[in-house]
Amino acid sequence: MCNYQTLYHSKTGYAIRCQQCKGIQLAFGTTVISFNHEEFECFNKMVTRLADDHIHSSEHEKAICLPLPADHVMMLLTPSEIAVLADMTAEVQALLQTYSILESAN
């Protein structure tokens, strides 16, 4: 059974990690995604790249397709939503790196 650790929580979503299996669950808007550590790292890089690429796009147009680890499933986001998600995943990634350093010191 998983024992979850909260990595991020706000009105837009949350990220939690199982302390035993290290699986990560990310909720954003109406979508919940489960990742292993490597999948989350890849997702974080993709979200950051898409946020950087769409800085000057129409703010309220849902035009950014973000593929998810599941086959044939994508999130459709506005530039402001991808920016919020990029900030969220960057914060979670930084926290995961910090925990990794601390765990390797033990």
Protein backbone atom coordinates (compact mmCIF):
# COMPACT_ATOMS: atom_id res chain seq x y z
CA MET A 1 0.00 0.00 0.00
CA CYS A 2 1.28 3.46 -0.88
CA ASN A 3 2.18 6.04 1.74
CA TYR A 4 1.93 9.39 -0.05
CA GLN A 5 4.09 12.45 0.43
CA THR A 6 2.72 15.77 -0.86
CA LEU A 7 5.14 17.47 -3.25
CA TYR A 8 2.85 20.27 -4.44
CA HIS A 9 -0.66 21.48 -3.68
CA SER A 10 -2.59 24.50 -4.93
CA LYS A 11 -6.00 25.42 -6.33
CA THR A 12 -4.83 24.27 -9.78
CA GLY A 13 -3.66 20.81 -8.77
CA TYR A 14 -1.37 18.64 -6.73
CA ALA A 15 1.56 16.27 -6.98
CA ILE A 16 2.14 13.39 -4.59
CA ARG A 17 4.77 10.64 -4.40
CA CYS A 18 4.63 7.20 -2.88
CA GLN A 19 7.51 6.91 -0.45
CA GLN A 20 7.86 3.16 -1.09
CA CYS A 21 7.55 2.74 -4.88
CA LYS A 22 8.46 6.38 -5.73
CA GLY A 23 5.52 6.62 -8.14
CA ILE A 24 4.31 10.18 -8.76
CA GLN A 25 0.70 11.25 -9.24
CA LEU A 26 0.03 14.66 -10.74
CA ALA A 27 -3.41 16.27 -10.86
CA PHE A 28 -3.99 19.35 -13.01
CA GLY A 29 -7.41 20.68 -13.90
CA THR A 30 -9.60 17.63 -14.51
CA THR A 31 -6.70 15.28 -15.33
CA VAL A 32 -4.77 12.94 -13.03
CA ILE A 33 -1.62 11.28 -14.36
CA SER A 34 0.59 8.61 -12.78
CA PHE A 35 4.31 8.58 -13.60
CA ASN A 36 7.44 6.75 -12.60
CA HIS A 37 10.40 9.06 -11.91
CA GLU A 38 11.83 8.92 -15.45
CA GLU A 39 8.43 9.58 -17.04
CA PHE A 40 7.95 12.61 -14.81
CA GLU A 41 11.36 14.01 -15.77
CA CYS A 42 10.47 13.64 -19.44
CA PHE A 43 7.04 15.20 -18.88
CA ASN A 44 8.60 18.15 -17.03
CA LYS A 45 11.01 18.81 -19.93
CA MET A 46 8.19 18.60 -22.47
CA VAL A 47 5.94 20.95 -20.49
CA THR A 48 8.78 23.46 -20.06
CA ARG A 49 9.58 23.37 -23.78
CA LEU A 50 5.93 23.82 -24.77
CA ALA A 51 5.51 26.71 -22.31
CA ASP A 52 8.59 28.42 -23.75
CA ASP A 53 7.36 27.87 -27.33
CA HIS A 54 3.91 29.39 -26.71
CA ILE A 55 4.74 32.55 -24.76
CA HIS A 56 3.26 34.85 -27.42
CA SER A 57 0.24 32.73 -28.40
CA SER A 58 -3.38 33.76 -27.83
CA GLU A 59 -3.78 33.50 -24.06
CA HIS A 60 -7.23 31.89 -23.98
CA GLU A 61 -7.08 29.59 -27.01
CA LYS A 62 -6.79 25.90 -26.19
CA ALA A 63 -4.23 25.14 -28.87
CA ILE A 64 -1.41 23.31 -27.07
CA CYS A 65 -1.55 19.51 -27.30
CA LEU A 66 0.40 17.80 -24.55
CA PRO A 67 0.80 14.04 -25.07
CA LEU A 68 0.49 11.89 -21.95
CA PRO A 69 2.10 8.52 -21.11
CA ALA A 70 -1.14 6.66 -21.98
CA ASP A 71 -1.70 5.78 -25.63
CA HIS A 72 -4.02 8.12 -27.52
CA VAL A 73 -4.47 10.52 -24.59
CA MET A 74 -3.54 14.22 -24.62
CA MET A 75 -4.22 17.35 -22.62
CA LEU A 76 -5.40 20.40 -24.56
CA LEU A 77 -4.20 23.58 -22.85
CA THR A 78 -4.06 27.36 -23.23
CA PRO A 79 -0.71 29.19 -23.02
CA SER A 80 -1.61 30.41 -19.51
CA GLU A 81 -2.46 26.84 -18.41
CA ILE A 82 0.80 25.43 -19.80
CA ALA A 83 2.71 28.21 -18.00
CA VAL A 84 1.07 27.28 -14.68
CA LEU A 85 1.74 23.57 -15.32
CA ALA A 86 5.38 24.34 -16.20
CA ASP A 87 5.84 26.22 -12.92
CA MET A 88 4.21 23.36 -11.04
CA THR A 89 6.33 20.62 -12.63
CA ALA A 90 9.53 22.65 -12.21
CA GLU A 91 8.83 23.05 -8.49
CA VAL A 92 8.10 19.33 -8.13
CA GLN A 93 11.25 18.40 -10.11
CA ALA A 94 13.40 20.63 -7.87
CA LEU A 95 11.90 19.02 -4.77
CA LEU A 96 12.47 15.51 -6.19
CA GLN A 97 16.12 16.38 -6.86
CA THR A 98 16.49 17.66 -3.31
CA TYR A 99 14.97 14.48 -1.86
CA SER A 100 17.25 12.38 -4.07
CA ILE A 101 20.32 14.17 -2.70
CA LEU A 102 19.12 13.76 0.86
CA GLU A 103 18.27 10.07 0.37
CA SER A 104 21.65 9.33 -1.22
CA ALA A 105 23.40 10.94 1.77
CA ASN A 106 21.79 8.39 4.12
